[in-house]
Amino acid sequence: MAISSSAQRPRKHSRYALEELRWAILFLLPTVGSVLVFTVFPVLFSLVISLLEWNVVQPPKFVGLGNYRALFSDEEFIRSLKNTLQFVIGYVPGTLVASLLIAFLLSLKIKFHKVYRAIFFFPTVISIIVISEVWLWIYEPKFGLLNYYLGKLGLPNNTAWLGDPNLAMWSIVIMSIWAACGYYMVLYLAGLLGIDRTLYEAAGIDGASTLSQFWYITLPLLAPVTFFIVTMLVIGSFQVFGQIYVMTRGGPLHATDVVIYTIYNNAFDRFLMGRASAQAYVVGLIMFTITAIQWRFWGRGAVNE
C-alpha cells in the first residue's frame, strides 16, 4: 500500500502541473497574440518591404539593398537627420534640467506642493495633438499670447515663431520640453524622496554647502534615474512627430522636417513603401547604437550605484 500511494503521488503532482501550465498558456495567449500580431509581424513585414520597390498599387519589385544604398545620396533624409539631431540637442538636456529643477523644488515640501505636482504632471495626460493646437495659438504672430506679453514688456512682439526657419525648431523644442518635463519630474521626485536625509545632515555638519551637497550627494545617487531618463528622451527625440505634423508640417523651408515626418511622407503621401521602411530601419539602428553606447560608457556604472 505504501508503494502504491508513493507511486500515485508523482502522477497527481504532474497532473496538477500540467493543468497549471494549460491555464498559464490560456492567460498568456491574448498578450502573446497581440505582441505577435501588432509588433513582431509588422517589424518583420517592414523588413521585407525595405527590400522591395512597392507603391501599394503595382506589384512589388525586389531591389535588395537598393533602398538602403539610396539613403546615402538622399538629401531629404540627410537633412531630416540633421534636423532631428538639432531637436535632440535642445530637447534632451532641456527636459533633463527642467524636470530635475522642478522635482528638486517640489521635494522641499513647500505649501501646496501636492497641488503643484498635479499641475506640472497634468500636460502628460493630454494628447500631444491638443497641446500642439494650444501652442499654435500661443505662437501665433498677431494674436498669440507670447507676442502679446512680449509687447506688454516693451519687447518686439511681431516674431513669427513658427514661420522663421531659424526659430521654428527651437519653438518646437520649447513646447516639447513643457509637455514632457512633468512626467520625468515624477521620476526625479521619486529618486529625490528616496535619498537618505542623514547623508545631507552629515554633510552639513562637516560644513558642506548646499551646492556641494547637491553635486556630491544628490546627482550621484540620482545616476540610475538620470540614465533611464536620458535613454528615454533620446529614443523619444527620434520619434517626434505629432507636434511637427500639427504645427509646421516640416516647414518653414524644411527647417522642422524630422526623420519620422520624412518617413511618414514617403509612406503615406508618396507611397514609397520600400524607401520608407528602409529609412525606418536605419533610424531604429541609430537609436539602438546610441542606447548601446550609453549603456557601455554610463549605464553599467549608473545601475551598479
C-alpha atoms as a PDB file:
ATOM      1  CA  MET A   1       0.000   0.000   0.000  1.00  0.00           C
ATOM      2  CA  ALA A   2       2.843   2.380   0.827  1.00  0.00           C
ATOM      3  CA  ILE A   3       4.474   1.678  -2.515  1.00  0.00           C
ATOM      4  CA  SER A   4       1.191   2.224  -4.349  1.00  0.00           C
ATOM      5  CA  SER A   5       0.480   5.584  -2.680  1.00  0.00           C
ATOM      6  CA  SER A   6       4.016   6.826  -3.311  1.00  0.00           C
ATOM      7  CA  ALA A   7       3.743   5.832  -6.969  1.00  0.00           C
ATOM      8  CA  GLN A   8       0.489   7.721  -7.376  1.00  0.00           C
ATOM      9  CA  ARG A   9       1.840  10.938  -5.811  1.00  0.00           C
ATOM     10  CA  PRO A  10       4.131  11.951  -8.741  1.00  0.00           C
ATOM     11  CA  ARG A  11       1.284  11.334 -11.188  1.00  0.00           C
ATOM     12  CA  LYS A  12      -1.004  13.561  -9.153  1.00  0.00           C
ATOM     13  CA  HIS A  13       1.644  16.290  -8.967  1.00  0.00           C
ATOM     14  CA  SER A  14       2.381  16.041 -12.682  1.00  0.00           C
ATOM     15  CA  ARG A  15      -1.335  16.269 -13.444  1.00  0.00           C
ATOM     16  CA  TYR A  16      -1.617  19.437 -11.347  1.00  0.00           C
ATOM     17  CA  ALA A  17       1.494  20.909 -13.031  1.00  0.00           C
ATOM     18  CA  LEU A  18       0.067  20.173 -16.472  1.00  0.00           C
ATOM     19  CA  GLU A  19      -3.222  21.797 -15.506  1.00  0.00           C
ATOM     20  CA  GLU A  20      -1.402  24.910 -14.260  1.00  0.00           C
ATOM     21  CA  LEU A  21       0.608  25.046 -17.490  1.00  0.00           C
ATOM     22  CA  ARG A  22      -2.583  24.919 -19.545  1.00  0.00           C
ATOM     23  CA  TRP A  23      -4.134  27.777 -17.603  1.00  0.00           C
ATOM     24  CA  ALA A  24      -0.911  29.785 -17.829  1.00  0.00           C
ATOM     25  CA  ILE A  25      -0.847  29.363 -21.612  1.00  0.00           C
ATOM     26  CA  LEU A  26      -4.528  30.302 -21.805  1.00  0.00           C
ATOM     27  CA  PHE A  27      -3.993  33.539 -19.887  1.00  0.00           C
ATOM     28  CA  LEU A  28      -0.823  34.407 -21.833  1.00  0.00           C
ATOM     29  CA  LEU A  29      -2.382  33.837 -25.250  1.00  0.00           C
ATOM     30  CA  PRO A  30      -4.065  37.290 -25.565  1.00  0.00           C
ATOM     31  CA  THR A  31      -0.866  39.159 -24.665  1.00  0.00           C
ATOM     32  CA  VAL A  32       1.445  36.979 -26.735  1.00  0.00           C
ATOM     33  CA  GLY A  33      -1.006  37.049 -29.642  1.00  0.00           C
ATOM     34  CA  SER A  34      -1.268  40.840 -29.602  1.00  0.00           C
ATOM     35  CA  VAL A  35       2.537  41.192 -29.483  1.00  0.00           C
ATOM     36  CA  LEU A  36       2.913  38.819 -32.426  1.00  0.00           C
ATOM     37  CA  VAL A  37       0.187  40.484 -34.492  1.00  0.00           C
ATOM     38  CA  PHE A  38       0.871  44.147 -33.711  1.00  0.00           C
ATOM     39  CA  THR A  39       4.659  44.132 -33.105  1.00  0.00           C
ATOM     40  CA  VAL A  40       6.569  41.114 -34.385  1.00  0.00           C
ATOM     41  CA  PHE A  41       4.688  40.683 -37.653  1.00  0.00           C
ATOM     42  CA  PRO A  42       4.814  44.421 -38.632  1.00  0.00           C
ATOM     43  CA  VAL A  43       8.560  44.560 -37.850  1.00  0.00           C
ATOM     44  CA  LEU A  44       9.311  41.520 -39.995  1.00  0.00           C
ATOM     45  CA  PHE A  45       6.923  42.621 -42.739  1.00  0.00           C
ATOM     46  CA  SER A  46       8.541  46.085 -42.910  1.00  0.00           C
ATOM     47  CA  LEU A  47      11.949  44.404 -43.181  1.00  0.00           C
ATOM     48  CA  VAL A  48      10.698  42.519 -46.240  1.00  0.00           C
ATOM     49  CA  ILE A  49       9.195  45.718 -47.689  1.00  0.00           C
ATOM     50  CA  SER A  50      12.516  47.547 -47.260  1.00  0.00           C
ATOM     51  CA  LEU A  51      13.985  45.143 -49.823  1.00  0.00           C
ATOM     52  CA  LEU A  52      11.270  45.955 -52.352  1.00  0.00           C
ATOM     53  CA  GLU A  53      10.217  48.780 -54.616  1.00  0.00           C
ATOM     54  CA  TRP A  54       6.488  48.980 -53.916  1.00  0.00           C
ATOM     55  CA  ASN A  55       3.849  51.692 -54.213  1.00  0.00           C
ATOM     56  CA  VAL A  56       0.936  49.557 -52.876  1.00  0.00           C
ATOM     57  CA  VAL A  57      -0.908  49.702 -56.231  1.00  0.00           C
ATOM     58  CA  GLN A  58       1.571  47.974 -58.544  1.00  0.00           C
ATOM     59  CA  PRO A  59       3.207  44.602 -57.893  1.00  0.00           C
ATOM     60  CA  PRO A  60       6.361  44.842 -55.734  1.00  0.00           C
ATOM     61  CA  LYS A  61       9.784  44.610 -57.332  1.00  0.00           C
ATOM     62  CA  PHE A  62      12.731  43.139 -55.467  1.00  0.00           C
ATOM     63  CA  VAL A  63      15.669  45.590 -55.289  1.00  0.00           C
ATOM     64  CA  GLY A  64      17.689  44.043 -52.467  1.00  0.00           C
ATOM     65  CA  LEU A  65      19.695  46.665 -50.579  1.00  0.00           C
ATOM     66  CA  GLY A  66      18.948  49.312 -53.199  1.00  0.00           C
ATOM     67  CA  ASN A  67      16.706  51.310 -50.860  1.00  0.00           C
ATOM     68  CA  TYR A  68      19.433  51.350 -48.212  1.00  0.00           C
ATOM     69  CA  ARG A  69      22.140  52.424 -50.676  1.00  0.00           C
ATOM     70  CA  ALA A  70      19.901  55.226 -51.932  1.00  0.00           C
ATOM     71  CA  LEU A  71      19.732  56.745 -48.436  1.00  0.00           C
ATOM     72  CA  PHE A  72      23.388  57.840 -48.608  1.00  0.00           C
ATOM     73  CA  SER A  73      22.546  60.158 -51.518  1.00  0.00           C
ATOM     74  CA  ASP A  74      19.062  61.136 -50.318  1.00  0.00           C
ATOM     75  CA  GLU A  75      19.429  64.833 -49.429  1.00  0.00           C
ATOM     76  CA  GLU A  76      15.961  64.945 -47.880  1.00  0.00           C
ATOM     77  CA  PHE A  77      16.731  62.094 -45.483  1.00  0.00           C
ATOM     78  CA  ILE A  78      20.139  63.516 -44.556  1.00  0.00           C
ATOM     79  CA  ARG A  79      18.563  66.917 -43.903  1.00  0.00           C
ATOM     80  CA  SER A  80      15.897  65.311 -41.718  1.00  0.00           C
ATOM     81  CA  LEU A  81      18.603  63.559 -39.699  1.00  0.00           C
ATOM     82  CA  LYS A  82      20.313  66.912 -39.106  1.00  0.00           C
ATOM     83  CA  ASN A  83      17.017  68.474 -38.033  1.00  0.00           C
ATOM     84  CA  THR A  84      16.382  65.560 -35.682  1.00  0.00           C
ATOM     85  CA  LEU A  85      19.857  65.981 -34.208  1.00  0.00           C
ATOM     86  CA  GLN A  86      19.071  69.659 -33.591  1.00  0.00           C
ATOM     87  CA  PHE A  87      15.901  68.621 -31.794  1.00  0.00           C
ATOM     88  CA  VAL A  88      17.836  66.095 -29.686  1.00  0.00           C
ATOM     89  CA  ILE A  89      20.448  68.700 -28.716  1.00  0.00           C
ATOM     90  CA  GLY A  90      17.767  71.063 -27.449  1.00  0.00           C
ATOM     91  CA  TYR A  91      15.156  68.663 -26.116  1.00  0.00           C
ATOM     92  CA  VAL A  92      17.209  66.149 -24.121  1.00  0.00           C
ATOM     93  CA  PRO A  93      19.270  68.496 -21.906  1.00  0.00           C
ATOM     94  CA  GLY A  94      16.410  70.998 -21.677  1.00  0.00           C
ATOM     95  CA  THR A  95      13.924  68.411 -20.410  1.00  0.00           C
ATOM     96  CA  LEU A  96      16.531  66.894 -18.116  1.00  0.00           C
ATOM     97  CA  VAL A  97      17.358  70.204 -16.425  1.00  0.00           C
ATOM     98  CA  ALA A  98      13.737  71.397 -16.254  1.00  0.00           C
ATOM     99  CA  SER A  99      12.395  68.162 -14.764  1.00  0.00           C
ATOM    100  CA  LEU A 100      15.237  67.935 -12.201  1.00  0.00           C
ATOM    101  CA  LEU A 101      14.813  71.570 -11.163  1.00  0.00           C
ATOM    102  CA  ILE A 102      11.046  71.226 -10.719  1.00  0.00           C
ATOM    103  CA  ALA A 103      11.445  67.947  -8.833  1.00  0.00           C
ATOM    104  CA  PHE A 104      14.049  69.487  -6.521  1.00  0.00           C
ATOM    105  CA  LEU A 105      11.806  72.454  -5.709  1.00  0.00           C
ATOM    106  CA  LEU A 106       8.783  70.242  -5.082  1.00  0.00           C
ATOM    107  CA  SER A 107      10.812  67.927  -2.846  1.00  0.00           C
ATOM    108  CA  LEU A 108      11.254  70.808  -0.395  1.00  0.00           C
ATOM    109  CA  LYS A 109       7.657  70.301   0.804  1.00  0.00           C
ATOM    110  CA  ILE A 110       6.580  73.870   0.130  1.00  0.00           C
ATOM    111  CA  LYS A 111       2.996  74.919   0.752  1.00  0.00           C
ATOM    112  CA  PHE A 112       0.514  73.275  -1.644  1.00  0.00           C
ATOM    113  CA  HIS A 113       3.327  71.110  -3.036  1.00  0.00           C
ATOM    114  CA  LYS A 114       0.879  68.307  -3.903  1.00  0.00           C
ATOM    115  CA  VAL A 115      -1.207  70.728  -5.957  1.00  0.00           C
ATOM    116  CA  TYR A 116       1.887  71.910  -7.810  1.00  0.00           C
ATOM    117  CA  ARG A 117       2.879  68.312  -8.540  1.00  0.00           C
ATOM    118  CA  ALA A 118      -0.513  67.666 -10.102  1.00  0.00           C
ATOM    119  CA  ILE A 119      -0.312  70.883 -12.142  1.00  0.00           C
ATOM    120  CA  PHE A 120       3.127  70.064 -13.553  1.00  0.00           C
ATOM    121  CA  PHE A 121       2.126  66.480 -14.307  1.00  0.00           C
ATOM    122  CA  PHE A 122      -1.161  67.448 -15.980  1.00  0.00           C
ATOM    123  CA  PRO A 123       0.278  68.061 -19.527  1.00  0.00           C
ATOM    124  CA  THR A 124       1.484  64.463 -19.554  1.00  0.00           C
ATOM    125  CA  VAL A 125      -2.070  63.090 -19.672  1.00  0.00           C
ATOM    126  CA  ILE A 126      -3.120  65.412 -22.513  1.00  0.00           C
ATOM    127  CA  SER A 127      -2.799  64.359 -26.148  1.00  0.00           C
ATOM    128  CA  ILE A 128       0.183  65.875 -27.946  1.00  0.00           C
ATOM    129  CA  ILE A 129      -2.243  66.961 -30.679  1.00  0.00           C
ATOM    130  CA  VAL A 130      -4.240  69.058 -28.211  1.00  0.00           C
ATOM    131  CA  ILE A 131      -1.067  70.524 -26.733  1.00  0.00           C
ATOM    132  CA  SER A 132       0.179  71.391 -30.218  1.00  0.00           C
ATOM    133  CA  GLU A 133      -3.064  73.205 -31.035  1.00  0.00           C
ATOM    134  CA  VAL A 134      -2.778  75.239 -27.823  1.00  0.00           C
ATOM    135  CA  TRP A 135       0.812  76.196 -28.570  1.00  0.00           C
ATOM    136  CA  LEU A 136      -0.153  77.147 -32.122  1.00  0.00           C
ATOM    137  CA  TRP A 137      -2.319  79.814 -30.509  1.00  0.00           C
ATOM    138  CA  ILE A 138       0.485  80.843 -28.145  1.00  0.00           C
ATOM    139  CA  TYR A 139       2.967  81.207 -31.032  1.00  0.00           C
ATOM    140  CA  GLU A 140       0.509  82.973 -33.381  1.00  0.00           C
ATOM    141  CA  PRO A 141       2.340  86.115 -34.644  1.00  0.00           C
ATOM    142  CA  LYS A 142      -0.517  88.645 -34.444  1.00  0.00           C
ATOM    143  CA  PHE A 143      -2.870  87.376 -31.741  1.00  0.00           C
ATOM    144  CA  GLY A 144      -0.739  84.868 -29.825  1.00  0.00           C
ATOM    145  CA  LEU A 145      -0.189  85.086 -26.083  1.00  0.00           C
ATOM    146  CA  LEU A 146       3.602  85.052 -26.349  1.00  0.00           C
ATOM    147  CA  ASN A 147       3.869  88.100 -28.605  1.00  0.00           C
ATOM    148  CA  TYR A 148       1.126  89.829 -26.620  1.00  0.00           C
ATOM    149  CA  TYR A 149       3.011  89.637 -23.336  1.00  0.00           C
ATOM    150  CA  LEU A 150       6.303  90.464 -25.026  1.00  0.00           C
ATOM    151  CA  GLY A 151       4.639  93.656 -26.249  1.00  0.00           C
ATOM    152  CA  LYS A 152       3.483  94.407 -22.694  1.00  0.00           C
ATOM    153  CA  LEU A 153       7.132  94.206 -21.620  1.00  0.00           C
ATOM    154  CA  GLY A 154       8.217  96.577 -24.384  1.00  0.00           C
ATOM    155  CA  LEU A 155       9.935  93.836 -26.386  1.00  0.00           C
ATOM    156  CA  PRO A 156       9.490  93.032 -30.100  1.00  0.00           C
ATOM    157  CA  ASN A 157       6.053  91.449 -30.467  1.00  0.00           C
ATOM    158  CA  ASN A 158       5.801  90.553 -34.144  1.00  0.00           C
ATOM    159  CA  THR A 159       8.040  87.468 -34.226  1.00  0.00           C
ATOM    160  CA  ALA A 160       6.881  84.601 -36.432  1.00  0.00           C
ATOM    161  CA  TRP A 161       7.972  81.835 -34.103  1.00  0.00           C
ATOM    162  CA  LEU A 162       6.905  79.016 -36.397  1.00  0.00           C
ATOM    163  CA  GLY A 163       7.409  80.932 -39.633  1.00  0.00           C
ATOM    164  CA  ASP A 164      11.103  81.715 -39.204  1.00  0.00           C
ATOM    165  CA  PRO A 165      13.415  78.836 -40.267  1.00  0.00           C
ATOM    166  CA  ASN A 166      15.900  79.875 -37.570  1.00  0.00           C
ATOM    167  CA  LEU A 167      13.307  79.824 -34.765  1.00  0.00           C
ATOM    168  CA  ALA A 168      10.806  77.139 -35.761  1.00  0.00           C
ATOM    169  CA  MET A 169      12.722  74.119 -34.465  1.00  0.00           C
ATOM    170  CA  TRP A 170      13.628  75.815 -31.181  1.00  0.00           C
ATOM    171  CA  SER A 171       9.993  76.800 -30.726  1.00  0.00           C
ATOM    172  CA  ILE A 172       9.021  73.142 -31.158  1.00  0.00           C
ATOM    173  CA  VAL A 173      11.734  72.171 -28.662  1.00  0.00           C
ATOM    174  CA  ILE A 174      10.404  74.558 -26.001  1.00  0.00           C
ATOM    175  CA  MET A 175       6.866  73.272 -26.432  1.00  0.00           C
ATOM    176  CA  SER A 176       8.075  69.654 -26.256  1.00  0.00           C
ATOM    177  CA  ILE A 177      10.030  70.334 -23.059  1.00  0.00           C
ATOM    178  CA  TRP A 178       6.931  71.863 -21.470  1.00  0.00           C
ATOM    179  CA  ALA A 179       4.849  68.846 -22.470  1.00  0.00           C
ATOM    180  CA  ALA A 180       7.322  66.204 -21.249  1.00  0.00           C
ATOM    181  CA  CYS A 181       9.029  67.586 -18.149  1.00  0.00           C
ATOM    182  CA  GLY A 182       6.071  66.746 -15.869  1.00  0.00           C
ATOM    183  CA  TYR A 183       6.443  63.014 -16.474  1.00  0.00           C
ATOM    184  CA  TYR A 184      10.200  62.985 -15.847  1.00  0.00           C
ATOM    185  CA  MET A 185       9.692  65.302 -12.884  1.00  0.00           C
ATOM    186  CA  VAL A 186       7.764  62.470 -11.197  1.00  0.00           C
ATOM    187  CA  LEU A 187      10.665  60.059 -11.768  1.00  0.00           C
ATOM    188  CA  TYR A 188      13.199  62.502 -10.383  1.00  0.00           C
ATOM    189  CA  LEU A 189      10.929  63.306  -7.455  1.00  0.00           C
ATOM    190  CA  ALA A 190      10.712  59.617  -6.555  1.00  0.00           C
ATOM    191  CA  GLY A 191      14.500  59.415  -6.684  1.00  0.00           C
ATOM    192  CA  LEU A 192      14.963  62.515  -4.543  1.00  0.00           C
ATOM    193  CA  LEU A 193      12.499  61.354  -1.892  1.00  0.00           C
ATOM    194  CA  GLY A 194      14.311  58.013  -1.721  1.00  0.00           C
ATOM    195  CA  ILE A 195      17.653  59.550  -0.711  1.00  0.00           C
ATOM    196  CA  ASP A 196      18.505  59.100   2.966  1.00  0.00           C
ATOM    197  CA  ARG A 197      18.302  62.537   4.646  1.00  0.00           C
ATOM    198  CA  THR A 198      21.037  61.603   7.136  1.00  0.00           C
ATOM    199  CA  LEU A 199      23.555  61.956   4.301  1.00  0.00           C
ATOM    200  CA  TYR A 200      22.693  65.644   3.993  1.00  0.00           C
ATOM    201  CA  GLU A 201      22.764  66.091   7.765  1.00  0.00           C
ATOM    202  CA  ALA A 202      26.229  64.544   7.982  1.00  0.00           C
ATOM    203  CA  ALA A 203      27.460  66.680   5.096  1.00  0.00           C
ATOM    204  CA  GLY A 204      26.025  69.800   6.722  1.00  0.00           C
ATOM    205  CA  ILE A 205      27.830  69.016   9.978  1.00  0.00           C
ATOM    206  CA  ASP A 206      31.079  68.687   8.028  1.00  0.00           C
ATOM    207  CA  GLY A 207      30.491  72.157   6.566  1.00  0.00           C
ATOM    208  CA  ALA A 208      29.413  71.199   3.040  1.00  0.00           C
ATOM    209  CA  SER A 209      27.427  73.883   1.263  1.00  0.00           C
ATOM    210  CA  THR A 210      24.046  73.257  -0.359  1.00  0.00           C
ATOM    211  CA  LEU A 211      25.667  73.292  -3.800  1.00  0.00           C
ATOM    212  CA  SER A 212      28.303  70.780  -2.690  1.00  0.00           C
ATOM    213  CA  GLN A 213      25.631  68.507  -1.232  1.00  0.00           C
ATOM    214  CA  PHE A 214      23.704  68.642  -4.495  1.00  0.00           C
ATOM    215  CA  TRP A 215      26.806  67.947  -6.589  1.00  0.00           C
ATOM    216  CA  TYR A 216      28.387  65.196  -4.489  1.00  0.00           C
ATOM    217  CA  ILE A 217      25.322  63.545  -2.938  1.00  0.00           C
ATOM    218  CA  THR A 218      22.181  64.211  -4.951  1.00  0.00           C
ATOM    219  CA  LEU A 219      23.485  63.859  -8.502  1.00  0.00           C
ATOM    220  CA  PRO A 220      25.496  60.643  -7.925  1.00  0.00           C
ATOM    221  CA  LEU A 221      22.568  58.970  -6.157  1.00  0.00           C
ATOM    222  CA  LEU A 222      20.247  60.022  -8.980  1.00  0.00           C
ATOM    223  CA  ALA A 223      22.528  58.481 -11.616  1.00  0.00           C
ATOM    224  CA  PRO A 224      20.292  55.407 -12.279  1.00  0.00           C
ATOM    225  CA  VAL A 225      17.230  57.642 -12.704  1.00  0.00           C
ATOM    226  CA  THR A 226      19.166  60.049 -14.914  1.00  0.00           C
ATOM    227  CA  PHE A 227      20.427  57.217 -17.118  1.00  0.00           C
ATOM    228  CA  PHE A 228      16.894  55.916 -17.623  1.00  0.00           C
ATOM    229  CA  ILE A 229      15.536  59.401 -18.363  1.00  0.00           C
ATOM    230  CA  VAL A 230      18.291  60.249 -20.854  1.00  0.00           C
ATOM    231  CA  THR A 231      17.762  56.937 -22.647  1.00  0.00           C
ATOM    232  CA  MET A 232      14.007  57.507 -22.908  1.00  0.00           C
ATOM    233  CA  LEU A 233      14.492  61.126 -24.012  1.00  0.00           C
ATOM    234  CA  VAL A 234      16.903  60.194 -26.796  1.00  0.00           C
ATOM    235  CA  ILE A 235      14.583  57.464 -28.063  1.00  0.00           C
ATOM    236  CA  GLY A 236      11.612  59.831 -27.854  1.00  0.00           C
ATOM    237  CA  SER A 237      13.530  62.539 -29.718  1.00  0.00           C
ATOM    238  CA  PHE A 238      13.948  60.305 -32.747  1.00  0.00           C
ATOM    239  CA  GLN A 239      10.229  59.525 -32.653  1.00  0.00           C
ATOM    240  CA  VAL A 240       8.944  63.114 -32.517  1.00  0.00           C
ATOM    241  CA  PHE A 241       6.072  63.500 -34.949  1.00  0.00           C
ATOM    242  CA  GLY A 242       2.757  64.795 -33.549  1.00  0.00           C
ATOM    243  CA  GLN A 243       3.827  68.378 -32.874  1.00  0.00           C
ATOM    244  CA  ILE A 244       5.642  68.581 -36.201  1.00  0.00           C
ATOM    245  CA  TYR A 245       2.600  67.333 -38.090  1.00  0.00           C
ATOM    246  CA  VAL A 246       0.190  69.738 -36.393  1.00  0.00           C
ATOM    247  CA  MET A 247       2.314  72.872 -36.044  1.00  0.00           C
ATOM    248  CA  THR A 248       4.679  73.104 -39.020  1.00  0.00           C
ATOM    249  CA  ARG A 249       4.250  70.130 -41.414  1.00  0.00           C
ATOM    250  CA  GLY A 250       8.047  70.095 -41.713  1.00  0.00           C
ATOM    251  CA  GLY A 251       8.316  73.783 -42.604  1.00  0.00           C
ATOM    252  CA  PRO A 252       9.234  76.506 -42.971  1.00  0.00           C
ATOM    253  CA  LEU A 253      11.701  75.637 -45.746  1.00  0.00           C
ATOM    254  CA  HIS A 254      12.027  72.092 -44.306  1.00  0.00           C
ATOM    255  CA  ALA A 255      13.513  73.501 -41.074  1.00  0.00           C
ATOM    256  CA  THR A 256      11.468  71.088 -38.928  1.00  0.00           C
ATOM    257  CA  ASP A 257      11.386  68.141 -41.316  1.00  0.00           C
ATOM    258  CA  VAL A 258      12.479  65.378 -38.896  1.00  0.00           C
ATOM    259  CA  VAL A 259      13.084  61.736 -39.780  1.00  0.00           C
ATOM    260  CA  ILE A 260       9.715  60.358 -38.673  1.00  0.00           C
ATOM    261  CA  TYR A 261       7.881  63.029 -40.649  1.00  0.00           C
ATOM    262  CA  THR A 262      10.017  62.196 -43.704  1.00  0.00           C
ATOM    263  CA  ILE A 263       9.203  58.504 -43.293  1.00  0.00           C
ATOM    264  CA  TYR A 264       5.512  59.377 -42.979  1.00  0.00           C
ATOM    265  CA  ASN A 265       5.602  61.435 -46.197  1.00  0.00           C
ATOM    266  CA  ASN A 266       7.388  58.713 -48.134  1.00  0.00           C
ATOM    267  CA  ALA A 267       4.990  56.011 -46.926  1.00  0.00           C
ATOM    268  CA  PHE A 268       1.580  57.690 -46.926  1.00  0.00           C
ATOM    269  CA  ASP A 269       1.971  60.663 -49.248  1.00  0.00           C
ATOM    270  CA  ARG A 270       4.281  59.385 -51.995  1.00  0.00           C
ATOM    271  CA  PHE A 271       3.583  55.670 -51.365  1.00  0.00           C
ATOM    272  CA  LEU A 272       7.300  54.809 -51.491  1.00  0.00           C
ATOM    273  CA  MET A 273       6.877  51.959 -49.049  1.00  0.00           C
ATOM    274  CA  GLY A 274      10.268  50.364 -49.654  1.00  0.00           C
ATOM    275  CA  ARG A 275      12.171  53.590 -49.114  1.00  0.00           C
ATOM    276  CA  ALA A 276      10.141  54.464 -46.021  1.00  0.00           C
ATOM    277  CA  SER A 277      10.737  51.023 -44.494  1.00  0.00           C
ATOM    278  CA  ALA A 278      14.471  51.252 -45.161  1.00  0.00           C
ATOM    279  CA  GLN A 279      14.569  54.690 -43.529  1.00  0.00           C
ATOM    280  CA  ALA A 280      12.681  53.341 -40.517  1.00  0.00           C
ATOM    281  CA  TYR A 281      15.194  50.533 -40.076  1.00  0.00           C
ATOM    282  CA  VAL A 282      18.117  52.944 -40.347  1.00  0.00           C
ATOM    283  CA  VAL A 283      16.565  55.192 -37.688  1.00  0.00           C
ATOM    284  CA  GLY A 284      15.977  52.148 -35.479  1.00  0.00           C
ATOM    285  CA  LEU A 285      19.615  51.125 -35.917  1.00  0.00           C
ATOM    286  CA  ILE A 286      20.748  54.641 -34.958  1.00  0.00           C
ATOM    287  CA  MET A 287      18.627  54.578 -31.785  1.00  0.00           C
ATOM    288  CA  PHE A 288      19.928  51.111 -30.893  1.00  0.00           C
ATOM    289  CA  THR A 289      23.548  52.241 -31.402  1.00  0.00           C
ATOM    290  CA  ILE A 290      23.117  55.352 -29.257  1.00  0.00           C
ATOM    291  CA  THR A 291      21.460  53.322 -26.497  1.00  0.00           C
ATOM    292  CA  ALA A 292      24.228  50.693 -26.633  1.00  0.00           C
ATOM    293  CA  ILE A 293      26.897  53.402 -26.368  1.00  0.00           C
ATOM    294  CA  GLN A 294      25.090  54.941 -23.394  1.00  0.00           C
ATOM    295  CA  TRP A 295      24.916  51.570 -21.671  1.00  0.00           C
ATOM    296  CA  ARG A 296      28.591  50.823 -22.435  1.00  0.00           C
ATOM    297  CA  PHE A 297      30.043  54.054 -21.058  1.00  0.00           C
ATOM    298  CA  TRP A 298      27.444  55.075 -18.462  1.00  0.00           C
ATOM    299  CA  GLY A 299      24.676  52.580 -17.894  1.00  0.00           C
ATOM    300  CA  ARG A 300      26.566  49.845 -16.050  1.00  0.00           C
ATOM    301  CA  GLY A 301      28.107  52.282 -13.589  1.00  0.00           C
ATOM    302  CA  ALA A 302      24.762  54.038 -13.049  1.00  0.00           C
ATOM    303  CA  VAL A 303      22.908  50.783 -12.383  1.00  0.00           C
ATOM    304  CA  ASN A 304      25.622  49.484 -10.053  1.00  0.00           C
ATOM    305  CA  GLU A 305      25.329  52.642  -7.980  1.00  0.00           C
END
